[in-house]
C-alpha atoms as a PDB file:
ATOM      1  CA  MET A   1      48.718  65.564  36.213  1.00  0.00           C
ATOM      2  CA  VAL A   2      48.804  62.755  38.740  1.00  0.00           C
ATOM      3  CA  LEU A   3      51.624  61.066  37.028  1.00  0.00           C
ATOM      4  CA  HIS A   4      53.786  64.077  37.019  1.00  0.00           C
ATOM      5  CA  LEU A   5      53.505  64.565  40.842  1.00  0.00           C
ATOM      6  CA  GLN A   6      53.881  60.514  40.822  1.00  0.00           C
ATOM      7  CA  ASP A   7      57.698  61.252  39.021  1.00  0.00           C
ATOM      8  CA  TYR A   8      60.174  61.908  41.916  1.00  0.00           C
ATOM      9  CA  ASP A   9      64.107  61.138  42.496  1.00  0.00           C
ATOM     10  CA  GLU A  10      63.788  57.779  44.511  1.00  0.00           C
ATOM     11  CA  HIS A  11      66.454  59.604  47.033  1.00  0.00           C
ATOM     12  CA  ASP A  12      64.473  62.747  47.487  1.00  0.00           C
ATOM     13  CA  ARG A  13      60.958  61.498  49.013  1.00  0.00           C
ATOM     14  CA  ALA A  14      60.273  64.713  50.540  1.00  0.00           C
ATOM     15  CA  HIS A  15      59.097  66.606  47.150  1.00  0.00           C
ATOM     16  CA  ALA A  16      57.466  63.919  45.982  1.00  0.00           C
ATOM     17  CA  PRO A  17      53.704  64.610  47.126  1.00  0.00           C
ATOM     18  CA  LEU A  18      52.354  61.414  45.893  1.00  0.00           C
ATOM     19  CA  ALA A  19      54.952  58.651  46.029  1.00  0.00           C
ATOM     20  CA  GLU A  20      53.911  57.649  49.948  1.00  0.00           C
ATOM     21  CA  PRO A  21      49.906  56.924  49.262  1.00  0.00           C
ATOM     22  CA  ILE A  22      50.862  54.907  46.174  1.00  0.00           C
ATOM     23  CA  ASP A  23      53.646  53.231  47.371  1.00  0.00           C
ATOM     24  CA  ASN A  24      51.674  51.705  50.752  1.00  0.00           C
ATOM     25  CA  ARG A  25      48.013  50.980  48.715  1.00  0.00           C
ATOM     26  CA  ALA A  26      49.331  47.176  47.814  1.00  0.00           C
ATOM     27  CA  GLU A  27      50.331  46.708  51.226  1.00  0.00           C
ATOM     28  CA  VAL A  28      47.054  47.535  52.667  1.00  0.00           C
ATOM     29  CA  HIS A  29      45.422  45.730  50.075  1.00  0.00           C
ATOM     30  CA  GLN A  30      47.267  42.726  50.929  1.00  0.00           C
ATOM     31  CA  ALA A  31      46.925  43.452  54.693  1.00  0.00           C
ATOM     32  CA  THR A  32      43.133  43.381  54.243  1.00  0.00           C
ATOM     33  CA  GLY A  33      43.167  39.896  52.276  1.00  0.00           C
ATOM     34  CA  MET A  34      44.982  38.560  54.998  1.00  0.00           C
ATOM     35  CA  ILE A  35      42.884  39.978  57.702  1.00  0.00           C
ATOM     36  CA  THR A  36      39.564  38.633  55.582  1.00  0.00           C
ATOM     37  CA  ILE A  37      41.323  35.516  55.811  1.00  0.00           C
ATOM     38  CA  GLN A  38      42.498  35.270  59.393  1.00  0.00           C
ATOM     39  CA  LEU A  39      38.867  36.418  60.605  1.00  0.00           C
ATOM     40  CA  GLY A  40      36.614  34.990  57.880  1.00  0.00           C
ATOM     41  CA  ILE A  41      34.941  38.350  57.353  1.00  0.00           C
ATOM     42  CA  THR A  42      34.416  40.627  54.008  1.00  0.00           C
ATOM     43  CA  LEU A  43      36.822  42.528  52.471  1.00  0.00           C
ATOM     44  CA  ALA A  44      35.186  45.680  53.345  1.00  0.00           C
ATOM     45  CA  GLU A  45      35.067  44.540  56.902  1.00  0.00           C
ATOM     46  CA  ALA A  46      38.439  43.772  57.046  1.00  0.00           C
ATOM     47  CA  LEU A  47      39.588  47.109  55.716  1.00  0.00           C
ATOM     48  CA  LEU A  48      37.171  48.940  58.434  1.00  0.00           C
ATOM     49  CA  ARG A  49      39.178  46.463  60.993  1.00  0.00           C
ATOM     50  CA  LEU A  50      42.598  47.603  59.869  1.00  0.00           C
ATOM     51  CA  ARG A  51      41.333  51.358  59.992  1.00  0.00           C
ATOM     52  CA  ALA A  52      40.330  50.810  63.150  1.00  0.00           C
ATOM     53  CA  HIS A  53      43.246  49.647  64.954  1.00  0.00           C
ATOM     54  CA  ALA A  54      44.941  51.826  63.621  1.00  0.00           C
ATOM     55  CA  TYR A  55      43.168  54.816  64.840  1.00  0.00           C
ATOM     56  CA  ALA A  56      43.006  53.033  68.256  1.00  0.00           C
ATOM     57  CA  THR A  57      46.806  52.406  68.236  1.00  0.00           C
ATOM     58  CA  GLY A  58      47.513  56.115  67.320  1.00  0.00           C
ATOM     59  CA  ARG A  59      49.508  54.503  64.069  1.00  0.00           C
ATOM     60  CA  THR A  60      49.068  54.799  60.191  1.00  0.00           C
ATOM     61  CA  VAL A  61      47.150  52.652  58.315  1.00  0.00           C
ATOM     62  CA  SER A  62      50.328  51.660  56.304  1.00  0.00           C
ATOM     63  CA  ALA A  63      52.229  51.107  59.773  1.00  0.00           C
ATOM     64  CA  VAL A  64      49.805  48.480  60.761  1.00  0.00           C
ATOM     65  CA  ALA A  65      49.401  47.086  57.099  1.00  0.00           C
ATOM     66  CA  ALA A  66      53.096  46.475  57.236  1.00  0.00           C
ATOM     67  CA  ASP A  67      52.997  44.695  60.443  1.00  0.00           C
ATOM     68  CA  VAL A  68      50.123  42.646  59.304  1.00  0.00           C
ATOM     69  CA  VAL A  69      52.009  41.718  55.987  1.00  0.00           C
ATOM     70  CA  ASN A  70      55.053  40.792  57.845  1.00  0.00           C
ATOM     71  CA  ARG A  71      53.335  39.083  60.066  1.00  0.00           C
ATOM     72  CA  LYS A  72      54.212  40.892  63.379  1.00  0.00           C
ATOM     73  CA  LEU A  73      50.256  41.530  63.925  1.00  0.00           C
ATOM     74  CA  CYS A  74      47.643  39.060  63.690  1.00  0.00           C
ATOM     75  CA  PHE A  75      44.081  39.854  64.128  1.00  0.00           C
ATOM     76  CA  ASP A  76      41.548  37.772  65.946  1.00  0.00           C
ATOM     77  CA  ASP A  77      38.336  38.507  67.852  1.00  0.00           C
ATOM     78  CA  SER A  78      39.553  40.190  70.938  1.00  0.00           C
ATOM     79  CA  ALA A  79      38.622  43.036  72.467  1.00  0.00           C
ATOM     80  CA  PHE A  80      41.577  45.012  71.044  1.00  0.00           C
ATOM     81  CA  GLY A  81      41.389  43.238  67.663  1.00  0.00           C
ATOM     82  CA  GLY A  82      44.900  42.085  67.299  1.00  0.00           C
ATOM     83  CA  MET A  83      47.568  40.956  68.715  1.00  0.00           C
ATOM     84  CA  THR A  84      51.223  40.913  68.088  1.00  0.00           C
ATOM     85  CA  ARG A  85      53.010  37.863  67.584  1.00  0.00           C
ATOM     86  CA  GLN A  86      54.941  37.275  70.545  1.00  0.00           C
ATOM     87  CA  GLU A  87      51.525  37.953  72.242  1.00  0.00           C
ATOM     88  CA  ARG A  88      50.267  34.815  70.893  1.00  0.00           C
ATOM     89  CA  PRO A  89      50.150  31.278  72.734  1.00  0.00           C
END
């Protein structure tokens, strides 16, 4: 069933119910690893921080993860939990 739901035309994502979650999972895992290194914390804590930042900023976890992977967002221990590349000193 899952493989059937994942099978889709790459130009017709609107009719692919599982395309988005499966496509973004690797990026979320990669971002979690990057946050782990940036903050020196466990993977579980890094994922929680990623999710909290997404919630606090009203964005999806996938969007925040993409910013981390693309080095547009760097996590630190500030009150906001992350800052954009342009904000870093």
